[in-house]
Structure formats: C-alpha cells, structure tokens
Amino acid sequence: MGVPTVRTSLPLLAKSLDHSLLHPTLTDEDIIVGLHLARIYKTATACIKPYSIPLATAILADTSVLICPVIGFPHGNSTTAVKVFEASAAARAGGREIDMVVNVGKVLSGEWSYVEEEIRQIDEAVVAHGAILKVIFENDYLKDEHIIRLCRICRAVGVAFVKTSTGYGFVKQPNGMYAYAGATVAHLRLMKEHVGPDVRIKAAGGVRTLDDLLMVLSLGVSRVGATATVAILDEAKSRGIGEEVVEVEIKGMGGLGSEY
C-alpha cells in the first residue's frame, strides 16, 4: 500500500477552513486579532459567537471570508423557537453560514420527530435569509446508530452540511477527568457513508496539523473547523504547497482516533 496523497493548493486548503473564534474566554481584542488572521489567510469563514457579527462584518468587508455564527452553542439545549429566532437574527445580521447544535438529549431519547422538525425549521429560517445551515451532531455523546439517523434526517431535510462536533463536547472519563475525541476517522467515514452525495461534511475538534487536515480531506470532508489555522497553513507553505495544485503526501495521522 502506497503513501496516501491529496491533490491540493494553498488557496484550496485555506478555503477548506473555518477559522474558529469560539472559546468563551476570548476578549474583543482576541477576536479582532483572529478576524484579521482569517482575512490575511483567506479562510472560508470566521466561525464566531453571534455578538461578534458586527465586528466581523467590519473587519471582513470586501473579502471572500464569510461570517459563520454558531447557534444553540455548545449544548443545543434551547427550545426550537429560540433557536429559530437566534438563527434568523444571525442570518439577517450578516451570517452566511450558520452552525447549529442539535438537541442532544432529544437525540439520545429517540425523539426523532422533534429532532427532524427542529432541524427543518432552522434550515428554512436561515435559507430564507440567504444563509446555509451546518448541523452539529456532537458525536462524542452519540452511538453509531444516532449518527446514522441524524445523517439520514439531514439528508431528507436537505441541509448544506453535517458537522461532527463543537470542540466542547467533553465526556467524563472513569478517572473523573473530562476529555473529547472530536472528529475521528471512524465517525467521518460513517457520516460519509450515510449522508448522501448532496450534503457536505465539516470536521471539527482535533484537526491541529496539516496532515490531520489532509487526512480528513482525503475522506471526503469539505470543511474543517480549526483554531490552528496559522500553524496548518504555514506548515503547508514550508512543505512547498503554493498557488498551484500539487500532489501532497499525508505523512502522519495525528490524533484523530482511528487507523487510516
């Protein structure tokens, strides 16, 4: 078996990234710095908390970097009506891609009618305002059968993206510590198998290196949420990836939790 490769370029890699500015401790100054990085590196979006939309609108004006607010973040516990209101407001304010967390408790309860109707209402609300919806599953909390059912629901509704994780879905371990896996190869393959050809996949949580990014792209992922944007793209430059499309070897698998 040969070394796996991906055909890509620096602009393609940049446009596969949603630069994540979601940590609760980020100050306005931190967010400004992060938005300027998204502008400089020409990422697909800057993924932000809704109150930062006006700031992002000002800094990202006249660029190709879209604004991606999060809704019901990070636990998805708001009522459907509140999520619809929040998503509509974010889209009206300038959010072009809306990342929304499912109601995990309803998923685990098997309340599939509730889950599907909530996704449908939010999707209709954001599309009505010219935006698209990404549905965050929070895979760390779910079994394979839940992920498969969510993929089928999202395919039936016709959302733009399904997304693995928030990056904040910490699970209590037997030793009492909290940890999360985020995007894993096994879950990405499962989602790719069941989501259909028209719904794209976003990986989030654990993609920290260029090889992590290359690996998930090779699995059919279209978008990646990352805080390590600068490190990833600077590593790409150091490995000779430039404006032209080239064949790039995947040198390592990082910590994405599965065999390649």
C-alpha atoms as a PDB file:
ATOM      1  CA  MET A   1       0.000   0.000   0.000  1.00  0.00           C
ATOM      2  CA  GLY A   2       1.460   3.348  -1.074  1.00  0.00           C
ATOM      3  CA  VAL A   3       1.612   6.553   0.881  1.00  0.00           C
ATOM      4  CA  PRO A   4      -1.789   8.314   0.679  1.00  0.00           C
ATOM      5  CA  THR A   5      -1.835  11.647  -1.126  1.00  0.00           C
ATOM      6  CA  VAL A   6      -4.147  14.585  -1.731  1.00  0.00           C
ATOM      7  CA  ARG A   7      -4.145  16.984  -4.680  1.00  0.00           C
ATOM      8  CA  THR A   8      -4.433  20.489  -3.305  1.00  0.00           C
ATOM      9  CA  SER A   9      -3.042  24.021  -3.198  1.00  0.00           C
ATOM     10  CA  LEU A  10      -2.641  26.728  -0.575  1.00  0.00           C
ATOM     11  CA  PRO A  11      -5.837  28.556  -1.661  1.00  0.00           C
ATOM     12  CA  LEU A  12      -7.817  25.286  -1.617  1.00  0.00           C
ATOM     13  CA  LEU A  13      -6.535  24.440   1.861  1.00  0.00           C
ATOM     14  CA  ALA A  14      -7.406  27.925   3.135  1.00  0.00           C
ATOM     15  CA  LYS A  15     -10.924  27.666   1.708  1.00  0.00           C
ATOM     16  CA  SER A  16     -11.406  24.333   3.481  1.00  0.00           C
ATOM     17  CA  LEU A  17     -11.007  26.046   6.875  1.00  0.00           C
ATOM     18  CA  ASP A  18     -13.487  27.762   9.156  1.00  0.00           C
ATOM     19  CA  HIS A  19     -11.206  29.763  11.458  1.00  0.00           C
ATOM     20  CA  SER A  20     -12.698  29.147  14.896  1.00  0.00           C
ATOM     21  CA  LEU A  21     -13.074  32.015  17.395  1.00  0.00           C
ATOM     22  CA  LEU A  22     -15.413  30.367  19.876  1.00  0.00           C
ATOM     23  CA  HIS A  23     -13.578  29.884  23.162  1.00  0.00           C
ATOM     24  CA  PRO A  24     -15.575  31.526  25.972  1.00  0.00           C
ATOM     25  CA  THR A  25     -12.541  33.394  27.304  1.00  0.00           C
ATOM     26  CA  LEU A  26     -11.775  35.254  24.068  1.00  0.00           C
ATOM     27  CA  THR A  27     -11.813  39.009  24.583  1.00  0.00           C
ATOM     28  CA  ASP A  28     -12.848  41.513  21.923  1.00  0.00           C
ATOM     29  CA  GLU A  29      -9.151  42.134  21.282  1.00  0.00           C
ATOM     30  CA  ASP A  30      -8.570  38.394  20.777  1.00  0.00           C
ATOM     31  CA  ILE A  31     -11.480  38.224  18.344  1.00  0.00           C
ATOM     32  CA  ILE A  32     -10.188  41.213  16.375  1.00  0.00           C
ATOM     33  CA  VAL A  33      -6.789  39.531  16.024  1.00  0.00           C
ATOM     34  CA  GLY A  34      -8.467  36.288  14.934  1.00  0.00           C
ATOM     35  CA  LEU A  35     -10.651  38.035  12.367  1.00  0.00           C
ATOM     36  CA  HIS A  36      -7.609  39.724  10.861  1.00  0.00           C
ATOM     37  CA  LEU A  37      -5.902  36.319  10.635  1.00  0.00           C
ATOM     38  CA  ALA A  38      -8.922  34.925   8.780  1.00  0.00           C
ATOM     39  CA  ARG A  39      -8.695  37.910   6.433  1.00  0.00           C
ATOM     40  CA  ILE A  40      -4.949  37.524   5.850  1.00  0.00           C
ATOM     41  CA  TYR A  41      -5.093  33.757   5.299  1.00  0.00           C
ATOM     42  CA  LYS A  42      -8.301  33.962   3.227  1.00  0.00           C
ATOM     43  CA  THR A  43     -10.120  31.167   5.020  1.00  0.00           C
ATOM     44  CA  ALA A  44     -13.607  30.039   4.040  1.00  0.00           C
ATOM     45  CA  THR A  45     -15.204  31.640   7.095  1.00  0.00           C
ATOM     46  CA  ALA A  46     -14.582  33.059  10.520  1.00  0.00           C
ATOM     47  CA  CYS A  47     -16.655  30.979  12.943  1.00  0.00           C
ATOM     48  CA  ILE A  48     -17.802  33.295  15.719  1.00  0.00           C
ATOM     49  CA  LYS A  49     -20.241  33.849  18.558  1.00  0.00           C
ATOM     50  CA  PRO A  50     -23.286  35.826  17.415  1.00  0.00           C
ATOM     51  CA  TYR A  51     -22.469  39.002  19.337  1.00  0.00           C
ATOM     52  CA  SER A  52     -19.291  39.324  17.243  1.00  0.00           C
ATOM     53  CA  ILE A  53     -21.151  39.597  13.920  1.00  0.00           C
ATOM     54  CA  PRO A  54     -20.909  43.422  13.679  1.00  0.00           C
ATOM     55  CA  LEU A  55     -17.174  43.272  14.427  1.00  0.00           C
ATOM     56  CA  ALA A  56     -16.679  40.544  11.821  1.00  0.00           C
ATOM     57  CA  THR A  57     -18.749  42.435   9.274  1.00  0.00           C
ATOM     58  CA  ALA A  58     -16.488  45.463   9.618  1.00  0.00           C
ATOM     59  CA  ILE A  59     -13.171  43.586   9.500  1.00  0.00           C
ATOM     60  CA  LEU A  60     -14.102  41.114   6.764  1.00  0.00           C
ATOM     61  CA  ALA A  61     -15.791  43.621   4.465  1.00  0.00           C
ATOM     62  CA  ASP A  62     -14.633  43.368   0.846  1.00  0.00           C
ATOM     63  CA  THR A  63     -13.079  39.920   1.377  1.00  0.00           C
ATOM     64  CA  SER A  64     -14.136  36.416   0.368  1.00  0.00           C
ATOM     65  CA  VAL A  65     -14.182  35.322   4.030  1.00  0.00           C
ATOM     66  CA  LEU A  66     -17.759  34.607   5.095  1.00  0.00           C
ATOM     67  CA  ILE A  67     -19.208  35.039   8.588  1.00  0.00           C
ATOM     68  CA  CYS A  68     -20.241  31.830  10.344  1.00  0.00           C
ATOM     69  CA  PRO A  69     -22.103  32.361  13.641  1.00  0.00           C
ATOM     70  CA  VAL A  70     -22.926  29.456  15.972  1.00  0.00           C
ATOM     71  CA  ILE A  71     -26.443  28.821  17.297  1.00  0.00           C
ATOM     72  CA  GLY A  72     -27.544  26.910  20.392  1.00  0.00           C
ATOM     73  CA  PHE A  73     -23.856  26.597  21.141  1.00  0.00           C
ATOM     74  CA  PRO A  74     -22.346  24.492  22.561  1.00  0.00           C
ATOM     75  CA  HIS A  75     -25.033  22.229  24.028  1.00  0.00           C
ATOM     76  CA  GLY A  76     -28.071  22.689  21.794  1.00  0.00           C
ATOM     77  CA  ASN A  77     -30.460  22.957  24.734  1.00  0.00           C
ATOM     78  CA  SER A  78     -32.543  25.983  23.718  1.00  0.00           C
ATOM     79  CA  THR A  79     -36.113  25.500  22.564  1.00  0.00           C
ATOM     80  CA  THR A  80     -36.768  25.255  18.852  1.00  0.00           C
ATOM     81  CA  ALA A  81     -38.409  28.678  18.850  1.00  0.00           C
ATOM     82  CA  VAL A  82     -35.369  30.267  20.466  1.00  0.00           C
ATOM     83  CA  LYS A  83     -33.011  28.550  18.022  1.00  0.00           C
ATOM     84  CA  VAL A  84     -35.096  29.700  15.058  1.00  0.00           C
ATOM     85  CA  PHE A  85     -35.092  33.273  16.391  1.00  0.00           C
ATOM     86  CA  GLU A  86     -31.337  33.189  17.059  1.00  0.00           C
ATOM     87  CA  ALA A  87     -30.557  31.680  13.662  1.00  0.00           C
ATOM     88  CA  SER A  88     -32.793  34.152  11.823  1.00  0.00           C
ATOM     89  CA  ALA A  89     -31.262  37.099  13.667  1.00  0.00           C
ATOM     90  CA  ALA A  90     -27.728  35.864  12.911  1.00  0.00           C
ATOM     91  CA  ALA A  91     -28.523  35.453   9.215  1.00  0.00           C
ATOM     92  CA  ARG A  92     -30.184  38.867   8.999  1.00  0.00           C
ATOM     93  CA  ALA A  93     -27.153  40.431  10.670  1.00  0.00           C
ATOM     94  CA  GLY A  94     -24.771  39.025   8.063  1.00  0.00           C
ATOM     95  CA  GLY A  95     -24.121  35.391   8.940  1.00  0.00           C
ATOM     96  CA  ARG A  96     -23.850  33.448   5.682  1.00  0.00           C
ATOM     97  CA  GLU A  97     -23.230  30.020   7.233  1.00  0.00           C
ATOM     98  CA  ILE A  98     -24.963  29.062  10.474  1.00  0.00           C
ATOM     99  CA  ASP A  99     -23.593  26.260  12.670  1.00  0.00           C
ATOM    100  CA  MET A 100     -26.370  24.871  14.910  1.00  0.00           C
ATOM    101  CA  VAL A 101     -26.108  22.218  17.627  1.00  0.00           C
ATOM    102  CA  VAL A 102     -28.829  19.560  17.724  1.00  0.00           C
ATOM    103  CA  ASN A 103     -30.760  18.873  20.905  1.00  0.00           C
ATOM    104  CA  VAL A 104     -28.531  16.030  22.109  1.00  0.00           C
ATOM    105  CA  GLY A 105     -30.947  14.959  24.834  1.00  0.00           C
ATOM    106  CA  LYS A 106     -33.743  14.538  22.288  1.00  0.00           C
ATOM    107  CA  VAL A 107     -31.408  12.550  20.026  1.00  0.00           C
ATOM    108  CA  LEU A 108     -30.450  10.212  22.870  1.00  0.00           C
ATOM    109  CA  SER A 109     -34.139   9.899  23.816  1.00  0.00           C
ATOM    110  CA  GLY A 110     -35.006   8.783  20.298  1.00  0.00           C
ATOM    111  CA  GLU A 111     -37.383  11.733  19.833  1.00  0.00           C
ATOM    112  CA  TRP A 112     -36.695  11.770  16.123  1.00  0.00           C
ATOM    113  CA  SER A 113     -39.781  13.708  15.075  1.00  0.00           C
ATOM    114  CA  TYR A 114     -38.754  16.550  17.389  1.00  0.00           C
ATOM    115  CA  VAL A 115     -35.166  16.457  16.125  1.00  0.00           C
ATOM    116  CA  GLU A 116     -36.163  16.460  12.457  1.00  0.00           C
ATOM    117  CA  GLU A 117     -38.752  19.205  12.830  1.00  0.00           C
ATOM    118  CA  GLU A 118     -36.285  21.425  14.699  1.00  0.00           C
ATOM    119  CA  ILE A 119     -33.635  20.981  12.000  1.00  0.00           C
ATOM    120  CA  ARG A 120     -36.214  21.638   9.297  1.00  0.00           C
ATOM    121  CA  GLN A 121     -37.487  24.850  10.906  1.00  0.00           C
ATOM    122  CA  ILE A 122     -33.992  26.242  11.439  1.00  0.00           C
ATOM    123  CA  ASP A 123     -32.888  25.311   7.929  1.00  0.00           C
ATOM    124  CA  GLU A 124     -35.928  27.041   6.437  1.00  0.00           C
ATOM    125  CA  ALA A 125     -35.288  30.129   8.566  1.00  0.00           C
ATOM    126  CA  VAL A 126     -31.645  30.566   7.557  1.00  0.00           C
ATOM    127  CA  VAL A 127     -32.228  29.770   3.884  1.00  0.00           C
ATOM    128  CA  ALA A 128     -34.999  32.395   3.818  1.00  0.00           C
ATOM    129  CA  HIS A 129     -32.347  34.963   4.764  1.00  0.00           C
ATOM    130  CA  GLY A 130     -29.785  33.809   2.214  1.00  0.00           C
ATOM    131  CA  ALA A 131     -27.664  31.625   4.506  1.00  0.00           C
ATOM    132  CA  ILE A 132     -26.937  27.900   4.775  1.00  0.00           C
ATOM    133  CA  LEU A 133     -27.109  25.555   7.759  1.00  0.00           C
ATOM    134  CA  LYS A 134     -24.496  23.257   9.249  1.00  0.00           C
ATOM    135  CA  VAL A 135     -25.929  20.769  11.771  1.00  0.00           C
ATOM    136  CA  ILE A 136     -23.587  19.864  14.633  1.00  0.00           C
ATOM    137  CA  PHE A 137     -24.115  16.333  15.988  1.00  0.00           C
ATOM    138  CA  GLU A 138     -21.632  16.295  18.920  1.00  0.00           C
ATOM    139  CA  ASN A 139     -20.502  12.754  18.114  1.00  0.00           C
ATOM    140  CA  ASP A 140     -18.692  12.207  21.422  1.00  0.00           C
ATOM    141  CA  TYR A 141     -22.088  11.832  23.107  1.00  0.00           C
ATOM    142  CA  LEU A 142     -23.598   9.560  20.453  1.00  0.00           C
ATOM    143  CA  LYS A 143     -23.576   5.938  19.316  1.00  0.00           C
ATOM    144  CA  ASP A 144     -23.213   4.983  15.673  1.00  0.00           C
ATOM    145  CA  GLU A 145     -26.959   4.441  15.289  1.00  0.00           C
ATOM    146  CA  HIS A 146     -27.613   8.030  16.411  1.00  0.00           C
ATOM    147  CA  ILE A 147     -25.082   9.409  13.922  1.00  0.00           C
ATOM    148  CA  ILE A 148     -26.594   7.349  11.099  1.00  0.00           C
ATOM    149  CA  ARG A 149     -30.122   8.514  11.915  1.00  0.00           C
ATOM    150  CA  LEU A 150     -29.031  12.148  12.083  1.00  0.00           C
ATOM    151  CA  CYS A 151     -27.298  11.817   8.719  1.00  0.00           C
ATOM    152  CA  ARG A 152     -30.478  10.447   7.179  1.00  0.00           C
ATOM    153  CA  ILE A 153     -32.579  13.240   8.702  1.00  0.00           C
ATOM    154  CA  CYS A 154     -30.188  15.916   7.444  1.00  0.00           C
ATOM    155  CA  ARG A 155     -30.206  14.334   4.001  1.00  0.00           C
ATOM    156  CA  ALA A 156     -34.015  14.307   3.970  1.00  0.00           C
ATOM    157  CA  VAL A 157     -34.243  17.942   5.112  1.00  0.00           C
ATOM    158  CA  GLY A 158     -31.566  18.986   2.624  1.00  0.00           C
ATOM    159  CA  VAL A 159     -29.218  20.917   4.901  1.00  0.00           C
ATOM    160  CA  ALA A 160     -25.905  22.089   3.473  1.00  0.00           C
ATOM    161  CA  PHE A 161     -23.554  20.432   5.967  1.00  0.00           C
ATOM    162  CA  VAL A 162     -23.365  17.981   8.818  1.00  0.00           C
ATOM    163  CA  LYS A 163     -20.656  18.623  11.402  1.00  0.00           C
ATOM    164  CA  THR A 164     -19.001  16.255  13.857  1.00  0.00           C
ATOM    165  CA  SER A 165     -18.535  18.340  16.970  1.00  0.00           C
ATOM    166  CA  THR A 166     -18.464  21.678  18.733  1.00  0.00           C
ATOM    167  CA  GLY A 167     -14.997  21.109  20.151  1.00  0.00           C
ATOM    168  CA  TYR A 168     -16.537  21.444  23.618  1.00  0.00           C
ATOM    169  CA  GLY A 169     -18.352  18.099  23.998  1.00  0.00           C
ATOM    170  CA  PHE A 170     -16.318  16.866  26.921  1.00  0.00           C
ATOM    171  CA  VAL A 171     -17.204  13.445  28.330  1.00  0.00           C
ATOM    172  CA  LYS A 172     -16.417  12.414  31.910  1.00  0.00           C
ATOM    173  CA  GLN A 173     -13.895   9.563  31.979  1.00  0.00           C
ATOM    174  CA  PRO A 174     -13.667   6.716  34.563  1.00  0.00           C
ATOM    175  CA  ASN A 175     -10.844   8.599  36.327  1.00  0.00           C
ATOM    176  CA  GLY A 176     -13.080  11.640  36.758  1.00  0.00           C
ATOM    177  CA  MET A 177     -11.274  13.731  34.154  1.00  0.00           C
ATOM    178  CA  TYR A 178     -13.041  15.171  31.109  1.00  0.00           C
ATOM    179  CA  ALA A 179     -11.906  14.582  27.534  1.00  0.00           C
ATOM    180  CA  TYR A 180     -13.272  14.585  23.998  1.00  0.00           C
ATOM    181  CA  ALA A 181     -12.329  12.946  20.718  1.00  0.00           C
ATOM    182  CA  GLY A 182     -13.924  15.412  18.303  1.00  0.00           C
ATOM    183  CA  ALA A 183     -13.588  14.388  14.675  1.00  0.00           C
ATOM    184  CA  THR A 184     -12.449  10.777  14.267  1.00  0.00           C
ATOM    185  CA  VAL A 185     -11.719   8.837  11.110  1.00  0.00           C
ATOM    186  CA  ALA A 186     -14.316   6.218  12.037  1.00  0.00           C
ATOM    187  CA  HIS A 187     -17.086   8.785  12.507  1.00  0.00           C
ATOM    188  CA  LEU A 188     -16.158  10.697   9.357  1.00  0.00           C
ATOM    189  CA  ARG A 189     -16.334   7.501   7.318  1.00  0.00           C
ATOM    190  CA  LEU A 190     -19.688   6.671   8.895  1.00  0.00           C
ATOM    191  CA  MET A 191     -21.078  10.114   8.105  1.00  0.00           C
ATOM    192  CA  LYS A 192     -19.780   9.987   4.545  1.00  0.00           C
ATOM    193  CA  GLU A 193     -21.467   6.618   4.031  1.00  0.00           C
ATOM    194  CA  HIS A 194     -24.892   7.759   5.217  1.00  0.00           C
ATOM    195  CA  VAL A 195     -25.246  11.460   4.476  1.00  0.00           C
ATOM    196  CA  GLY A 196     -25.644  11.139   0.719  1.00  0.00           C
ATOM    197  CA  PRO A 197     -23.954  12.989  -2.151  1.00  0.00           C
ATOM    198  CA  ASP A 198     -25.601  16.392  -1.666  1.00  0.00           C
ATOM    199  CA  VAL A 199     -24.778  17.107   1.992  1.00  0.00           C
ATOM    200  CA  ARG A 200     -21.222  18.145   2.798  1.00  0.00           C
ATOM    201  CA  ILE A 201     -19.270  17.209   5.938  1.00  0.00           C
ATOM    202  CA  LYS A 202     -17.455  19.503   8.345  1.00  0.00           C
ATOM    203  CA  ALA A 203     -14.919  18.021  10.761  1.00  0.00           C
ATOM    204  CA  ALA A 204     -14.301  19.891  13.990  1.00  0.00           C
ATOM    205  CA  GLY A 205     -12.261  19.086  17.077  1.00  0.00           C
ATOM    206  CA  GLY A 206      -8.797  17.533  16.893  1.00  0.00           C
ATOM    207  CA  VAL A 207      -7.657  18.744  13.452  1.00  0.00           C
ATOM    208  CA  ARG A 208      -4.485  20.500  14.509  1.00  0.00           C
ATOM    209  CA  THR A 209      -1.821  19.797  11.853  1.00  0.00           C
ATOM    210  CA  LEU A 210      -1.500  19.910   8.079  1.00  0.00           C
ATOM    211  CA  ASP A 211      -1.521  16.108   7.936  1.00  0.00           C
ATOM    212  CA  ASP A 212      -4.688  15.996  10.043  1.00  0.00           C
ATOM    213  CA  LEU A 213      -6.292  18.352   7.526  1.00  0.00           C
ATOM    214  CA  LEU A 214      -5.051  16.399   4.511  1.00  0.00           C
ATOM    215  CA  MET A 215      -6.303  13.156   6.006  1.00  0.00           C
ATOM    216  CA  VAL A 216      -9.863  14.347   6.630  1.00  0.00           C
ATOM    217  CA  LEU A 217      -9.994  15.937   3.181  1.00  0.00           C
ATOM    218  CA  SER A 218      -8.985  12.576   1.712  1.00  0.00           C
ATOM    219  CA  LEU A 219     -12.010  11.023   3.449  1.00  0.00           C
ATOM    220  CA  GLY A 220     -14.411  13.359   1.652  1.00  0.00           C
ATOM    221  CA  VAL A 221     -14.635  16.169   4.209  1.00  0.00           C
ATOM    222  CA  SER A 222     -15.321  19.571   2.625  1.00  0.00           C
ATOM    223  CA  ARG A 223     -14.746  21.892   5.578  1.00  0.00           C
ATOM    224  CA  VAL A 224     -12.779  21.831   8.813  1.00  0.00           C
ATOM    225  CA  GLY A 225     -13.209  23.929  11.926  1.00  0.00           C
ATOM    226  CA  ALA A 226      -9.789  24.894  13.286  1.00  0.00           C
ATOM    227  CA  THR A 227      -8.094  27.125  15.811  1.00  0.00           C
ATOM    228  CA  ALA A 228      -4.686  26.057  14.417  1.00  0.00           C
ATOM    229  CA  THR A 229      -5.255  27.801  11.081  1.00  0.00           C
ATOM    230  CA  VAL A 230      -1.968  29.696  11.068  1.00  0.00           C
ATOM    231  CA  ALA A 231       0.115  26.655  12.043  1.00  0.00           C
ATOM    232  CA  ILE A 232      -1.598  24.477   9.420  1.00  0.00           C
ATOM    233  CA  LEU A 233      -1.224  26.929   6.536  1.00  0.00           C
ATOM    234  CA  ASP A 234       2.305  27.950   7.476  1.00  0.00           C
ATOM    235  CA  GLU A 235       3.264  24.267   7.525  1.00  0.00           C
ATOM    236  CA  ALA A 236       1.716  23.912   4.072  1.00  0.00           C
ATOM    237  CA  LYS A 237       3.927  26.744   2.806  1.00  0.00           C
ATOM    238  CA  SER A 238       7.019  25.173   4.390  1.00  0.00           C
ATOM    239  CA  ARG A 239       6.256  21.917   2.551  1.00  0.00           C
ATOM    240  CA  GLY A 240       6.184  23.672  -0.788  1.00  0.00           C
ATOM    241  CA  ILE A 241       2.410  23.974  -1.231  1.00  0.00           C
ATOM    242  CA  GLY A 242       1.643  27.143  -3.153  1.00  0.00           C
ATOM    243  CA  GLU A 243      -0.858  28.634  -5.564  1.00  0.00           C
ATOM    244  CA  GLU A 244      -0.793  25.714  -7.997  1.00  0.00           C
ATOM    245  CA  VAL A 245      -2.411  22.349  -7.335  1.00  0.00           C
ATOM    246  CA  VAL A 246       0.130  19.666  -6.420  1.00  0.00           C
ATOM    247  CA  GLU A 247       0.141  16.100  -5.086  1.00  0.00           C
ATOM    248  CA  VAL A 248       0.838  16.155  -1.337  1.00  0.00           C
ATOM    249  CA  GLU A 249       1.751  13.135   0.783  1.00  0.00           C
ATOM    250  CA  ILE A 250      -0.060  12.566   4.066  1.00  0.00           C
ATOM    251  CA  LYS A 251       2.854  11.957   6.429  1.00  0.00           C
ATOM    252  CA  GLY A 252       1.053  11.229   9.658  1.00  0.00           C
ATOM    253  CA  MET A 253      -2.380  10.692  11.157  1.00  0.00           C
ATOM    254  CA  GLY A 254      -2.183  12.906  14.211  1.00  0.00           C
ATOM    255  CA  GLY A 255      -4.664  12.202  16.996  1.00  0.00           C
ATOM    256  CA  LEU A 256      -7.862  11.590  15.052  1.00  0.00           C
ATOM    257  CA  GLY A 257      -8.642   8.335  16.765  1.00  0.00           C
ATOM    258  CA  SER A 258      -8.552   5.643  14.087  1.00  0.00           C
ATOM    259  CA  GLU A 259      -6.478   3.767  11.567  1.00  0.00           C
ATOM    260  CA  TYR A 260      -6.238   5.384   8.168  1.00  0.00           C
END
